[in-house]
């Protein structure tokens, strides 16, 4: 099982690394962050997920602090 988790973590780290390299190349070639965000929002509803996560986070903070 230890070897299986090592493989999974390696795959995730490689995916994150490739994503970071892609973003860096995009910024170096003059990408517009607003256009990227608009495209992601149109395809994956990023703003909806950001709003949902922030609401859940705020509710958790209220529950654990009070």
C-alpha atoms as a PDB file:
ATOM      1  CA  UNK A   1       0.000   0.000   0.000  1.00  0.00           C
ATOM      2  CA  UNK A   2       2.938   2.315   0.718  1.00  0.00           C
ATOM      3  CA  UNK A   3       4.139   1.923  -2.865  1.00  0.00           C
ATOM      4  CA  UNK A   4       0.656   2.722  -4.176  1.00  0.00           C
ATOM      5  CA  UNK A   5       0.512   6.017  -2.269  1.00  0.00           C
ATOM      6  CA  UNK A   6       3.988   6.896  -3.476  1.00  0.00           C
ATOM      7  CA  UNK A   7       2.828   6.410  -7.086  1.00  0.00           C
ATOM      8  CA  UNK A   8      -0.299   8.515  -6.518  1.00  0.00           C
ATOM      9  CA  UNK A   9       1.662  11.325  -4.859  1.00  0.00           C
ATOM     10  CA  UNK A  10       4.218  11.258  -7.685  1.00  0.00           C
ATOM     11  CA  UNK A  11       1.477  11.559 -10.314  1.00  0.00           C
ATOM     12  CA  UNK A  12      -0.134  14.467  -8.457  1.00  0.00           C
ATOM     13  CA  UNK A  13       3.192  16.272  -8.051  1.00  0.00           C
ATOM     14  CA  UNK A  14       4.007  15.832 -11.746  1.00  0.00           C
ATOM     15  CA  UNK A  15       0.572  17.213 -12.686  1.00  0.00           C
ATOM     16  CA  UNK A  16       1.059  20.235 -10.397  1.00  0.00           C
ATOM     17  CA  UNK A  17       4.540  20.798 -11.800  1.00  0.00           C
ATOM     18  CA  UNK A  18       3.268  20.675 -15.387  1.00  0.00           C
ATOM     19  CA  UNK A  19       0.482  23.081 -14.480  1.00  0.00           C
ATOM     20  CA  UNK A  20       2.974  25.477 -12.933  1.00  0.00           C
ATOM     21  CA  UNK A  21       5.224  25.306 -15.971  1.00  0.00           C
ATOM     22  CA  UNK A  22       2.239  25.947 -18.236  1.00  0.00           C
ATOM     23  CA  UNK A  23       1.227  29.016 -16.218  1.00  0.00           C
ATOM     24  CA  UNK A  24       4.783  30.334 -16.188  1.00  0.00           C
ATOM     25  CA  UNK A  25       5.112  29.958 -19.963  1.00  0.00           C
ATOM     26  CA  UNK A  26       1.736  31.620 -20.398  1.00  0.00           C
ATOM     27  CA  UNK A  27       2.766  34.616 -18.299  1.00  0.00           C
ATOM     28  CA  UNK A  28       6.103  34.916 -20.101  1.00  0.00           C
ATOM     29  CA  UNK A  29       4.360  34.968 -23.473  1.00  0.00           C
ATOM     30  CA  UNK A  30       1.967  37.727 -22.411  1.00  0.00           C
ATOM     31  CA  UNK A  31      -1.143  35.938 -21.232  1.00  0.00           C
ATOM     32  CA  UNK A  32      -3.978  38.058 -19.857  1.00  0.00           C
ATOM     33  CA  UNK A  33      -5.152  36.809 -16.476  1.00  0.00           C
ATOM     34  CA  UNK A  34      -8.669  38.175 -16.969  1.00  0.00           C
ATOM     35  CA  UNK A  35      -9.064  36.248 -20.209  1.00  0.00           C
ATOM     36  CA  UNK A  36      -7.797  33.057 -18.574  1.00  0.00           C
ATOM     37  CA  UNK A  37     -10.225  33.490 -15.670  1.00  0.00           C
ATOM     38  CA  UNK A  38     -13.124  34.200 -18.042  1.00  0.00           C
ATOM     39  CA  UNK A  39     -12.364  31.054 -20.037  1.00  0.00           C
ATOM     40  CA  UNK A  40     -12.069  28.897 -16.910  1.00  0.00           C
ATOM     41  CA  UNK A  41     -15.299  30.353 -15.544  1.00  0.00           C
ATOM     42  CA  UNK A  42     -17.132  29.668 -18.796  1.00  0.00           C
ATOM     43  CA  UNK A  43     -15.973  26.048 -18.891  1.00  0.00           C
ATOM     44  CA  UNK A  44     -15.778  25.023 -15.232  1.00  0.00           C
ATOM     45  CA  UNK A  45     -17.805  27.641 -13.270  1.00  0.00           C
ATOM     46  CA  UNK A  46     -14.731  28.627 -11.251  1.00  0.00           C
ATOM     47  CA  UNK A  47     -16.421  31.643  -9.644  1.00  0.00           C
ATOM     48  CA  UNK A  48     -19.285  29.463  -8.393  1.00  0.00           C
ATOM     49  CA  UNK A  49     -16.805  27.061  -6.757  1.00  0.00           C
ATOM     50  CA  UNK A  50     -14.817  29.920  -5.221  1.00  0.00           C
ATOM     51  CA  UNK A  51     -18.014  31.380  -3.735  1.00  0.00           C
ATOM     52  CA  UNK A  52     -19.102  27.975  -2.414  1.00  0.00           C
ATOM     53  CA  UNK A  53     -15.738  27.231  -0.802  1.00  0.00           C
ATOM     54  CA  UNK A  54     -15.619  30.671   0.827  1.00  0.00           C
ATOM     55  CA  UNK A  55     -19.140  30.204   2.251  1.00  0.00           C
ATOM     56  CA  UNK A  56     -18.249  26.782   3.646  1.00  0.00           C
ATOM     57  CA  UNK A  57     -14.996  28.141   5.074  1.00  0.00           C
ATOM     58  CA  UNK A  58     -16.787  31.053   6.735  1.00  0.00           C
ATOM     59  CA  UNK A  59     -19.356  28.709   8.274  1.00  0.00           C
ATOM     60  CA  UNK A  60     -16.608  26.441   9.600  1.00  0.00           C
ATOM     61  CA  UNK A  61     -14.788  29.388  11.090  1.00  0.00           C
ATOM     62  CA  UNK A  62     -17.959  30.532  12.848  1.00  0.00           C
ATOM     63  CA  UNK A  63     -18.646  27.026  14.191  1.00  0.00           C
ATOM     64  CA  UNK A  64     -15.112  26.382  15.466  1.00  0.00           C
ATOM     65  CA  UNK A  65     -14.458  29.855  16.866  1.00  0.00           C
ATOM     66  CA  UNK A  66     -17.720  30.244  18.758  1.00  0.00           C
END
